[in-house]
Amino acid sequence: MAPRPDTFQATTTDGAVPMRMGMIDLEFPSPSTSVLTSSPLQQVVVLVDPMSTGVILQDKVFESGIYSVVIVWSDRSQPAAREKHFKNSGRPREDFLGVITHEDGALEDTLLAILAATTNMTVAAVMCGSEFGVLLEDQIADGLNLKLGTTHLRGSGIPILNTKVDKHLQANTIRESGLDAVREKLALCEADVKAFLDENHEPGTSFVVKPQTGAGSVGVTFCDSPKAVWEAYYKILVGEHKAHCRNKYRHYDQAGVLLQEYLKGTEYIVNSVVCDGRIKTTAMWKYDKRPYNGAAFVCFSKELQVISDPNCEEILEYTEKVLKAVGFQSGAIHAEVMYTARGPVLVELNCRLHGGNGAWVRPAEICMGYDQLSMLMDVYLNGGKLFDCIPSRPMTANSYCQQVKMRSHIEGVLASVIPSQWKRIEALPSYYSHLFGVSKGDNLLKTVDMPSVPGEVTLVHTDKDQLAADYEKLNEILAEGIFQVEEAS
């Protein structure tokens, strides 16, 4: 969802946190653009693929007034998304000190281009904005440290770099450390699929099949039979997700598909920032995932948690051990953990800021008093002075928050949002903000995964019961439908 959730008008409602209304209204106006930077500043931040939450990170760096910005596009990012970035983020290309496109296998050229763009300036940090740039972030930081003879540019410190994105390596690493991990097999050929099914042939067994790397639940398939496993395997390698997987797998000598046990339980996301091996969890969210439009687990919402909520302390202790097991030393990371009958089990690690276009940043700051993005900037640019002051785990919250995914059971060319339905949403006592990922004239998809989510509504309130009641009411409204599509001609 491209538009930025950073321009709001505030009101007050009785007992509620002041409402902040997203910049995209029902008429879907075009995003605004910013004024040009007048002159370069002497300190530079290199942002690798500043998309999704990276747009908010980019804004925060500019707003500091201290740093010039160089963008590096990784070879894993999509050219169309790169071009849309400047319009959608509200900052034209001229605002940046440099815009560099990295080519696969050409790290030396990329480093030289960064050095040329920052001549007589100081590179203060290299930070990643989205999943595509996760590997390149460390490579650039390490490479610049070597070329400049410095040590201040932070990287994740993970000994095996591909562990940052490879779910198979992640599971093996934590299993070898003695922690519980999802039972899985990396299928590099049909024989591997057959072997996995032969080993897990009990009647009623369910599975998950997904790409070896990735984000946003793309290609993740629930399978309730061996036949479904085979179909998902072929779909990922040679069907619908082929281009997606090939683009992400180009960093590996061999590409594969992960075949996993289906973890039955409740999924959590744990946002952490690490500074020289010291781990602090900045927020924890509980997912509500349900069957929808034929997909087994569509995200309906995520709810902010604190340590006193059920199972949270056990999950946090497990997650901290996972981060230590993989050797993560510095940066932002979020873990997806399933709480099962046998306890917490890692689904995957994402060695970057929590995604979702950063719509969680401001609500987390309001509810917790701090957020993952600000703490990442503090660690990389301020020596971790604020990081030292926050608790290691989310102990209490000032308010409660639920971020609810808009969803659609219809598809077609988007005509409008139904005004009467939208008024009901805005009237909810805990309504705080919204963010649309589609505009009039766009192709509205049936919601089956994160990329097909058409928007998000954030609920914030000081009364947890009120929040819960509003969430149920909002689900009723979304089930009735809030979108209209153009009639077929």
Protein backbone atom coordinates (compact mmCIF):
# COMPACT_ATOMS: atom_id res chain seq x y z
CA MET A 1 0.00 0.00 0.00
CA ALA A 2 1.87 3.01 -1.28
CA PRO A 3 0.38 6.17 0.30
CA ARG A 4 2.11 7.54 3.38
CA PRO A 5 0.21 7.56 6.70
CA ASP A 6 1.90 10.79 7.76
CA THR A 7 -0.56 13.59 6.97
CA PHE A 8 -3.51 13.68 9.31
CA GLN A 9 -6.15 15.95 10.74
CA ALA A 10 -6.85 15.48 14.44
CA THR A 11 -10.13 15.53 16.31
CA THR A 12 -11.06 14.36 19.77
CA THR A 13 -13.68 11.85 20.82
CA ASP A 14 -14.81 11.16 24.34
CA GLY A 15 -12.51 8.61 25.98
CA ALA A 16 -10.60 7.95 22.78
CA VAL A 17 -7.12 8.75 21.63
CA PRO A 18 -7.19 11.79 19.27
CA MET A 19 -8.19 10.55 15.84
CA ARG A 20 -5.78 10.85 12.94
CA MET A 21 -7.31 10.51 9.52
CA GLY A 22 -5.23 9.12 6.67
CA MET A 23 -4.22 11.43 3.83
CA ILE A 24 -6.12 9.30 1.29
CA ASP A 25 -9.80 10.25 1.54
CA LEU A 26 -12.75 8.76 -0.25
CA GLU A 27 -12.01 10.68 -3.47
CA PHE A 28 -8.46 9.23 -3.55
CA PRO A 29 -6.49 12.44 -4.36
CA SER A 30 -2.92 12.27 -5.62
CA PRO A 31 -0.10 12.38 -3.03
CA SER A 32 1.58 15.73 -2.48
CA THR A 33 5.22 16.42 -3.35
CA SER A 34 7.87 18.10 -1.25
CA VAL A 35 10.16 21.06 -1.82
CA LEU A 36 13.66 20.33 -3.08
CA THR A 37 16.61 20.12 -0.74
CA SER A 38 18.59 23.33 -1.10
CA SER A 39 22.09 21.98 -0.43
CA PRO A 40 23.65 18.67 0.65
CA LEU A 41 24.41 18.11 4.32
CA GLN A 42 27.80 16.74 5.30
CA GLN A 43 26.56 13.53 6.91
CA VAL A 44 24.93 10.89 4.74
CA VAL A 45 22.58 7.98 5.35
CA VAL A 46 22.51 5.26 2.71
CA LEU A 47 19.03 3.74 2.44
CA VAL A 48 18.74 0.39 0.67
CA ASP A 49 15.33 -0.16 -0.94
CA PRO A 50 13.35 2.39 1.13
CA MET A 51 9.93 0.96 0.32
CA SER A 52 7.09 -0.05 2.65
CA THR A 53 8.15 1.04 6.16
CA GLY A 54 11.32 2.30 4.51
CA VAL A 55 9.32 5.30 3.26
CA ILE A 56 8.66 6.32 6.87
CA LEU A 57 12.33 5.72 7.70
CA GLN A 58 13.30 7.91 4.75
CA ASP A 59 11.00 10.69 5.98
CA LYS A 60 12.39 10.53 9.51
CA VAL A 61 15.96 10.80 8.21
CA PHE A 62 15.07 13.86 6.12
CA GLU A 63 13.09 15.42 8.98
CA SER A 64 16.12 15.23 11.26
CA GLY A 65 17.71 18.00 9.19
CA ILE A 66 21.13 16.45 9.74
CA TYR A 67 21.58 13.97 6.92
CA SER A 68 21.64 13.84 3.15
CA VAL A 69 20.25 10.62 1.70
CA VAL A 70 21.60 8.24 -0.93
CA ILE A 71 19.23 5.57 -2.21
CA VAL A 72 20.59 2.23 -3.36
CA TRP A 73 18.14 0.03 -5.23
CA SER A 74 19.00 -3.65 -4.91
CA ASP A 75 18.84 -5.99 -7.88
CA ARG A 76 15.97 -7.75 -6.10
CA SER A 77 13.70 -4.68 -6.17
CA GLN A 78 11.38 -4.13 -9.10
CA PRO A 79 12.07 -1.30 -11.61
CA ALA A 80 8.42 -0.22 -11.66
CA ALA A 81 8.37 0.09 -7.87
CA ARG A 82 11.55 2.16 -7.95
CA GLU A 83 10.03 4.71 -10.29
CA LYS A 84 6.76 4.88 -8.36
CA HIS A 85 8.70 5.47 -5.15
CA PHE A 86 9.49 9.11 -5.85
CA LYS A 87 5.86 10.01 -6.54
CA ASN A 88 4.33 7.90 -3.81
CA SER A 89 6.80 8.96 -1.12
CA GLY A 90 6.29 12.63 -1.94
CA ARG A 91 10.01 13.23 -2.52
CA PRO A 92 11.31 13.76 -6.06
CA ARG A 93 14.58 12.27 -7.23
CA GLU A 94 16.26 15.67 -6.88
CA ASP A 95 15.87 15.52 -3.08
CA PHE A 96 18.46 12.76 -2.92
CA LEU A 97 22.22 13.12 -2.96
CA GLY A 98 22.40 10.08 -5.19
CA VAL A 99 20.23 7.27 -6.57
CA ILE A 100 22.22 4.14 -7.36
CA THR A 101 21.02 0.90 -8.90
CA HIS A 102 22.96 -2.17 -7.76
CA GLU A 103 23.52 -4.98 -10.24
CA ASP A 104 23.86 -8.60 -9.19
CA GLY A 105 27.53 -9.49 -8.66
CA ALA A 106 28.68 -5.87 -8.93
CA LEU A 107 29.16 -4.88 -5.28
CA GLU A 108 32.46 -3.16 -6.04
CA ASP A 109 30.78 -0.88 -8.58
CA THR A 110 28.04 -0.03 -6.09
CA LEU A 111 30.55 0.82 -3.37
CA LEU A 112 32.52 3.06 -5.74
CA ALA A 113 29.31 4.82 -6.80
CA ILE A 114 28.43 5.51 -3.15
CA LEU A 115 31.92 6.85 -2.46
CA ALA A 116 31.75 9.08 -5.54
CA ALA A 117 28.37 10.48 -4.45
CA THR A 118 29.63 11.16 -0.91
CA THR A 119 33.06 12.64 -1.65
CA ASN A 120 34.30 14.77 1.30
CA MET A 121 31.23 13.70 3.29
CA THR A 122 30.71 11.20 6.12
CA VAL A 123 28.57 8.11 5.64
CA ALA A 124 26.85 7.87 9.01
CA ALA A 125 24.82 4.70 8.48
CA VAL A 126 23.55 2.13 6.01
CA MET A 127 19.96 1.05 6.67
CA CYS A 128 17.52 -1.24 4.91
CA GLY A 129 13.96 -0.16 4.20
CA SER A 130 12.31 -3.37 2.98
CA GLU A 131 12.77 -7.10 2.45
CA PHE A 132 14.53 -6.86 -0.92
CA GLY A 133 17.46 -4.92 0.55
CA VAL A 134 18.16 -7.13 3.56
CA LEU A 135 21.23 -8.89 2.15
CA LEU A 136 22.67 -5.86 0.37
CA GLU A 137 22.50 -3.69 3.50
CA ASP A 138 25.16 -5.77 5.27
CA GLN A 139 27.28 -6.11 2.15
CA ILE A 140 27.40 -2.34 1.66
CA ALA A 141 28.12 -1.60 5.33
CA ASP A 142 30.92 -4.16 5.49
CA GLY A 143 32.34 -3.03 2.15
CA LEU A 144 32.39 0.67 3.08
CA ASN A 145 34.01 -0.10 6.43
CA LEU A 146 36.81 -1.90 4.59
CA LYS A 147 37.29 0.81 1.98
CA LEU A 148 37.15 3.69 4.46
CA GLY A 149 39.10 1.95 7.21
CA THR A 150 36.23 2.48 9.66
CA THR A 151 34.20 0.23 11.97
CA HIS A 152 31.20 2.45 12.77
CA LEU A 153 28.86 1.30 9.99
CA ARG A 154 26.70 -1.34 11.62
CA GLY A 155 25.60 -4.62 10.11
CA SER A 156 23.57 -7.48 11.51
CA GLY A 157 26.66 -9.48 12.42
CA ILE A 158 24.99 -12.76 11.42
CA PRO A 159 27.83 -15.21 10.61
CA ILE A 160 26.00 -16.84 7.67
CA LEU A 161 24.54 -13.89 5.78
CA ASN A 162 21.85 -15.86 3.94
CA THR A 163 20.32 -16.79 7.30
CA LYS A 164 18.82 -13.28 7.18
CA VAL A 165 16.42 -14.32 4.41
CA ASP A 166 16.52 -18.11 4.10
CA LYS A 167 13.79 -19.73 6.21
CA HIS A 168 15.38 -23.18 5.85
CA LEU A 169 18.71 -21.98 7.25
CA GLN A 170 16.89 -20.18 10.06
CA ALA A 171 15.06 -23.33 11.16
CA ASN A 172 18.22 -25.45 11.01
CA THR A 173 20.24 -22.90 12.97
CA ILE A 174 17.83 -22.63 15.88
CA ARG A 175 17.18 -26.39 15.90
CA GLU A 176 20.93 -27.01 16.23
CA SER A 177 20.99 -24.63 19.20
CA GLY A 178 18.48 -26.83 21.03
CA LEU A 179 15.38 -24.68 20.48
CA ASP A 180 12.10 -25.95 19.10
CA ALA A 181 11.77 -25.31 15.38
CA VAL A 182 9.23 -26.10 12.71
CA ARG A 183 9.66 -29.58 11.21
CA GLU A 184 10.41 -29.09 7.54
CA LYS A 185 12.28 -30.19 4.44
CA LEU A 186 13.81 -28.15 1.65
CA ALA A 187 12.62 -29.67 -1.61
CA LEU A 188 15.10 -29.23 -4.45
CA CYS A 189 13.47 -31.87 -6.65
CA GLU A 190 10.43 -34.12 -6.88
CA ALA A 191 12.21 -36.89 -4.95
CA ASP A 192 12.46 -34.56 -1.95
CA VAL A 193 8.71 -33.95 -2.02
CA LYS A 194 8.03 -37.70 -2.16
CA ALA A 195 10.42 -38.36 0.72
CA PHE A 196 8.76 -35.69 2.86
CA LEU A 197 5.30 -37.09 2.22
CA ASP A 198 6.48 -40.64 2.90
CA GLU A 199 7.82 -39.50 6.27
CA ASN A 200 4.61 -37.62 7.12
CA HIS A 201 1.88 -39.89 5.82
CA GLU A 202 -0.42 -40.05 8.85
CA PRO A 203 -4.09 -39.47 7.92
CA GLY A 204 -5.31 -35.97 8.68
CA THR A 205 -1.84 -34.42 8.61
CA SER A 206 -1.75 -30.87 7.25
CA PHE A 207 1.20 -29.00 5.77
CA VAL A 208 2.41 -25.57 4.72
CA VAL A 209 4.28 -25.13 1.44
CA LYS A 210 6.07 -21.85 0.75
CA PRO A 211 9.02 -20.21 -1.02
CA GLN A 212 12.45 -20.48 0.58
CA THR A 213 12.54 -16.70 0.99
CA GLY A 214 9.92 -14.01 0.78
CA ALA A 215 7.56 -11.66 2.56
CA GLY A 216 3.90 -10.76 2.77
CA SER A 217 2.64 -14.39 2.76
CA VAL A 218 3.14 -14.56 -1.03
CA GLY A 219 3.17 -18.19 -2.13
CA VAL A 220 2.42 -19.52 1.37
CA THR A 221 -0.10 -22.33 0.91
CA PHE A 222 -2.01 -24.46 3.41
CA CYS A 223 -2.26 -28.06 2.23
CA ASP A 224 -4.59 -30.65 3.73
CA SER A 225 -3.54 -33.55 1.50
CA PRO A 226 -0.49 -34.91 -0.38
CA LYS A 227 -2.18 -33.87 -3.63
CA ALA A 228 -2.38 -30.27 -2.39
CA VAL A 229 1.32 -30.38 -1.46
CA TRP A 230 2.26 -31.41 -5.00
CA GLU A 231 0.05 -28.70 -6.49
CA ALA A 232 1.58 -26.00 -4.28
CA TYR A 233 5.10 -27.21 -5.05
CA TYR A 234 4.59 -26.92 -8.80
CA LYS A 235 2.72 -23.64 -8.44
CA ILE A 236 5.66 -22.04 -6.66
CA LEU A 237 8.33 -23.34 -9.04
CA VAL A 238 6.67 -23.16 -12.44
CA GLY A 239 3.32 -21.47 -12.02
CA GLU A 240 1.85 -18.36 -10.53
CA HIS A 241 4.80 -17.48 -8.28
CA LYS A 242 7.63 -18.42 -10.67
CA ALA A 243 8.86 -14.89 -11.39
CA HIS A 244 8.55 -13.90 -7.74
CA CYS A 245 10.60 -16.87 -6.58
CA ARG A 246 13.23 -16.66 -9.30
CA ASN A 247 13.86 -13.02 -8.45
CA LYS A 248 14.31 -13.79 -4.76
CA TYR A 249 16.32 -16.98 -5.27
CA ARG A 250 19.00 -15.57 -7.55
CA HIS A 251 21.34 -15.30 -4.53
CA TYR A 252 21.38 -19.07 -4.11
CA ASP A 253 23.16 -21.77 -6.10
CA GLN A 254 20.08 -23.95 -5.72
CA ALA A 255 16.52 -22.81 -5.23
CA GLY A 256 13.97 -24.86 -3.39
CA VAL A 257 10.54 -24.99 -1.87
CA LEU A 258 9.95 -25.41 1.84
CA LEU A 259 7.66 -28.22 2.94
CA GLN A 260 6.64 -27.75 6.57
CA GLU A 261 4.39 -29.15 9.24
CA TYR A 262 1.30 -27.06 9.79
CA LEU A 263 1.71 -25.31 13.13
CA LYS A 264 -1.68 -25.10 14.79
CA GLY A 265 -1.92 -22.21 17.23
CA THR A 266 -1.90 -18.43 17.50
CA GLU A 267 0.69 -16.41 15.60
CA TYR A 268 2.55 -13.47 17.10
CA ILE A 269 4.95 -10.92 15.69
CA VAL A 270 7.77 -9.72 17.93
CA ASN A 271 9.47 -6.45 16.96
CA SER A 272 12.96 -6.03 18.37
CA VAL A 273 15.96 -3.75 18.05
CA VAL A 274 19.42 -5.09 18.86
CA CYS A 275 22.44 -2.99 19.80
CA ASP A 276 25.77 -4.82 20.09
CA GLY A 277 23.97 -8.01 21.02
CA ARG A 278 21.63 -6.39 23.56
CA ILE A 279 18.03 -7.20 22.68
CA LYS A 280 15.04 -4.97 23.36
CA THR A 281 11.53 -5.85 22.25
CA THR A 282 9.77 -2.65 21.22
CA ALA A 283 6.34 -4.15 20.53
CA MET A 284 4.53 -7.44 20.29
CA TRP A 285 1.44 -8.12 18.22
CA LYS A 286 -1.03 -11.03 18.15
CA TYR A 287 -2.44 -11.98 14.77
CA ASP A 288 -6.05 -12.85 14.09
CA LYS A 289 -5.93 -15.02 10.96
CA ARG A 290 -8.99 -16.75 9.54
CA PRO A 291 -10.11 -18.61 6.40
CA TYR A 292 -11.34 -16.18 3.74
CA ASN A 293 -12.00 -16.34 0.01
CA GLY A 294 -10.70 -19.91 -0.10
CA ALA A 295 -7.37 -19.04 1.54
CA ALA A 296 -6.66 -20.80 4.83
CA PHE A 297 -5.17 -17.96 6.86
CA VAL A 298 -5.92 -14.41 5.79
CA CYS A 299 -4.80 -11.75 8.25
CA PHE A 300 -7.83 -10.00 9.74
CA SER A 301 -5.88 -7.95 12.28
CA LYS A 302 -2.99 -7.68 14.68
CA GLU A 303 -3.44 -6.59 18.30
CA LEU A 304 -0.79 -4.93 20.44
CA GLN A 305 0.29 -7.02 23.44
CA VAL A 306 2.18 -6.48 26.71
CA ILE A 307 4.11 -8.98 28.80
CA SER A 308 1.18 -9.65 31.15
CA ASP A 309 -1.01 -10.89 28.28
CA PRO A 310 -1.35 -14.70 28.03
CA ASN A 311 1.77 -16.56 26.81
CA CYS A 312 3.67 -13.34 26.03
CA GLU A 313 6.51 -13.73 28.53
CA GLU A 314 7.20 -17.29 27.33
CA ILE A 315 7.18 -16.13 23.71
CA LEU A 316 9.56 -13.25 24.45
CA GLU A 317 12.02 -15.50 26.27
CA TYR A 318 11.98 -17.94 23.34
CA THR A 319 12.43 -15.15 20.77
CA GLU A 320 15.42 -13.69 22.60
CA LYS A 321 17.08 -17.12 22.53
CA VAL A 322 16.36 -17.36 18.79
CA LEU A 323 18.03 -14.01 18.09
CA LYS A 324 21.08 -15.07 20.07
CA ALA A 325 21.19 -18.43 18.28
CA VAL A 326 21.41 -16.84 14.82
CA GLY A 327 23.99 -14.32 16.03
CA PHE A 328 22.05 -11.13 15.30
CA GLN A 329 24.14 -8.26 16.70
CA SER A 330 22.69 -4.95 15.55
CA GLY A 331 19.62 -3.62 13.78
CA ALA A 332 15.88 -4.10 13.56
CA ILE A 333 14.37 -7.56 13.36
CA HIS A 334 10.92 -9.03 13.71
CA ALA A 335 10.14 -12.63 14.46
CA GLU A 336 6.97 -14.48 13.54
CA VAL A 337 6.27 -17.02 16.27
CA MET A 338 3.44 -19.53 16.55
CA TYR A 339 2.26 -20.38 20.04
CA THR A 340 1.32 -24.07 19.86
CA ALA A 341 0.40 -26.86 22.27
CA ARG A 342 4.13 -27.58 22.62
CA GLY A 343 4.96 -23.92 23.24
CA PRO A 344 6.42 -21.17 21.02
CA VAL A 345 7.84 -22.22 17.64
CA LEU A 346 9.52 -19.88 15.15
CA VAL A 347 7.75 -19.43 11.83
CA GLU A 348 10.44 -17.15 10.42
CA LEU A 349 12.75 -14.23 11.11
CA ASN A 350 12.66 -11.02 9.06
CA CYS A 351 15.89 -9.11 9.60
CA ARG A 352 14.46 -5.66 9.01
CA LEU A 353 11.82 -3.27 10.25
CA HIS A 354 8.27 -4.57 10.59
CA GLY A 355 6.58 -3.96 7.22
CA GLY A 356 2.99 -3.00 6.48
CA ASN A 357 4.05 0.38 5.10
CA GLY A 358 4.86 1.59 8.60
CA ALA A 359 1.21 2.13 9.53
CA TRP A 360 2.10 0.71 12.97
CA VAL A 361 4.83 3.27 13.76
CA ARG A 362 2.73 6.12 15.14
CA PRO A 363 0.21 3.88 16.99
CA ALA A 364 3.08 1.97 18.63
CA GLU A 365 4.67 5.23 19.72
CA ILE A 366 1.39 6.44 21.23
CA CYS A 367 0.64 3.18 23.01
CA MET A 368 4.13 2.20 24.16
CA GLY A 369 5.93 5.56 24.26
CA TYR A 370 8.49 4.42 21.67
CA ASP A 371 8.63 2.41 18.46
CA GLN A 372 10.95 0.10 16.57
CA LEU A 373 11.81 2.57 13.81
CA SER A 374 12.85 5.35 16.19
CA MET A 375 14.95 2.94 18.23
CA LEU A 376 16.68 1.68 15.06
CA MET A 377 17.60 5.25 14.13
CA ASP A 378 18.80 5.88 17.67
CA VAL A 379 21.09 2.84 17.60
CA TYR A 380 22.53 3.63 14.17
CA LEU A 381 22.75 7.42 14.43
CA ASN A 382 22.75 8.34 18.11
CA GLY A 383 24.86 5.69 19.77
CA GLY A 384 21.83 4.02 21.36
CA LYS A 385 21.25 6.71 23.98
CA LEU A 386 17.45 6.37 23.89
CA PHE A 387 17.75 2.61 23.42
CA ASP A 388 19.45 2.45 26.82
CA CYS A 389 16.45 4.13 28.46
CA ILE A 390 13.59 1.92 27.28
CA PRO A 391 12.57 -1.37 28.96
CA SER A 392 13.88 -4.60 27.48
CA ARG A 393 10.32 -5.91 27.07
CA PRO A 394 6.90 -4.23 26.60
CA MET A 395 5.77 -4.06 30.22
CA THR A 396 2.77 -1.70 30.05
CA ALA A 397 0.80 0.25 27.45
CA ASN A 398 -0.70 3.74 27.61
CA SER A 399 -3.47 2.70 25.20
CA TYR A 400 -4.60 -0.40 23.34
CA CYS A 401 -4.35 -0.87 19.59
CA GLN A 402 -5.74 -3.16 16.90
CA GLN A 403 -4.76 -2.76 13.26
CA VAL A 404 -7.48 -4.25 11.08
CA LYS A 405 -6.96 -5.26 7.47
CA MET A 406 -9.59 -4.14 5.02
CA ARG A 407 -10.69 -7.06 2.90
CA SER A 408 -12.77 -7.67 -0.18
CA HIS A 409 -14.86 -10.63 -1.30
CA ILE A 410 -15.39 -9.02 -4.71
CA GLU A 411 -12.97 -8.11 -7.49
CA GLY A 412 -12.92 -5.76 -10.44
CA VAL A 413 -12.08 -2.16 -11.28
CA LEU A 414 -12.57 -0.08 -8.13
CA ALA A 415 -15.33 2.49 -8.50
CA SER A 416 -15.63 3.84 -4.96
CA VAL A 417 -15.82 3.23 -1.26
CA ILE A 418 -19.45 2.94 -0.10
CA PRO A 419 -20.01 6.25 1.78
CA SER A 420 -22.57 4.92 4.27
CA GLN A 421 -20.31 2.04 5.24
CA TRP A 422 -17.32 4.33 5.63
CA LYS A 423 -19.25 6.67 7.92
CA ARG A 424 -19.97 3.71 10.19
CA ILE A 425 -16.25 2.97 10.40
CA GLU A 426 -15.34 6.57 11.21
CA ALA A 427 -18.03 6.63 13.91
CA LEU A 428 -16.41 3.83 15.91
CA PRO A 429 -15.18 5.27 19.25
CA SER A 430 -11.70 3.79 18.80
CA TYR A 431 -11.27 4.75 15.13
CA TYR A 432 -7.82 6.30 14.80
CA SER A 433 -6.63 6.23 11.19
CA HIS A 434 -6.89 4.49 7.87
CA LEU A 435 -4.69 3.77 4.90
CA PHE A 436 -5.87 2.73 1.45
CA GLY A 437 -3.66 0.67 -0.82
CA VAL A 438 -5.96 1.05 -3.81
CA SER A 439 -7.32 4.04 -5.68
CA LYS A 440 -10.29 4.61 -7.95
CA GLY A 441 -9.65 2.83 -11.23
CA ASP A 442 -7.25 0.29 -9.71
CA ASN A 443 -7.86 -3.42 -9.96
CA LEU A 444 -9.42 -4.55 -6.67
CA LEU A 445 -8.48 -8.15 -5.86
CA LYS A 446 -10.22 -10.68 -3.69
CA THR A 447 -8.24 -10.71 -0.45
CA VAL A 448 -6.22 -13.92 -0.04
CA ASP A 449 -2.81 -12.69 1.20
CA MET A 450 -1.01 -9.51 2.25
CA PRO A 451 -0.38 -8.12 -1.27
CA SER A 452 -4.13 -8.33 -2.00
CA VAL A 453 -5.12 -6.44 1.16
CA PRO A 454 -6.79 -3.19 -0.03
CA GLY A 455 -6.14 -1.12 3.08
CA GLU A 456 -6.02 -0.95 6.84
CA VAL A 457 -7.98 0.65 9.67
CA THR A 458 -6.23 1.35 12.97
CA LEU A 459 -8.21 1.32 16.22
CA VAL A 460 -6.74 2.88 19.38
CA HIS A 461 -8.46 3.36 22.74
CA THR A 462 -7.64 3.55 26.43
CA ASP A 463 -10.44 1.05 27.19
CA LYS A 464 -9.60 -2.49 26.07
CA ASP A 465 -13.25 -3.59 26.16
CA GLN A 466 -14.25 -0.71 23.90
CA LEU A 467 -11.49 -1.68 21.49
CA ALA A 468 -12.73 -5.28 21.39
CA ALA A 469 -16.33 -4.19 20.78
CA ASP A 470 -15.27 -1.87 17.96
CA TYR A 471 -13.20 -4.62 16.38
CA GLU A 472 -16.21 -6.92 16.22
CA LYS A 473 -18.37 -4.14 14.77
CA LEU A 474 -15.70 -3.33 12.19
CA ASN A 475 -15.55 -6.99 11.16
CA GLU A 476 -19.31 -6.91 10.59
CA ILE A 477 -18.99 -3.84 8.36
CA LEU A 478 -16.12 -5.34 6.37
CA ALA A 479 -18.05 -8.59 5.93
CA GLU A 480 -20.95 -6.63 4.43
CA GLY A 481 -18.50 -4.93 2.07
CA ILE A 482 -17.12 -1.40 1.79
CA PHE A 483 -16.06 -1.32 -1.88
CA GLN A 484 -17.97 -0.94 -5.13
CA VAL A 485 -16.55 -2.04 -8.48
CA GLU A 486 -17.45 -0.89 -11.96
CA GLU A 487 -20.13 -2.88 -13.72
CA ALA A 488 -18.87 -5.08 -16.51
CA SER A 489 -19.62 -3.58 -19.90
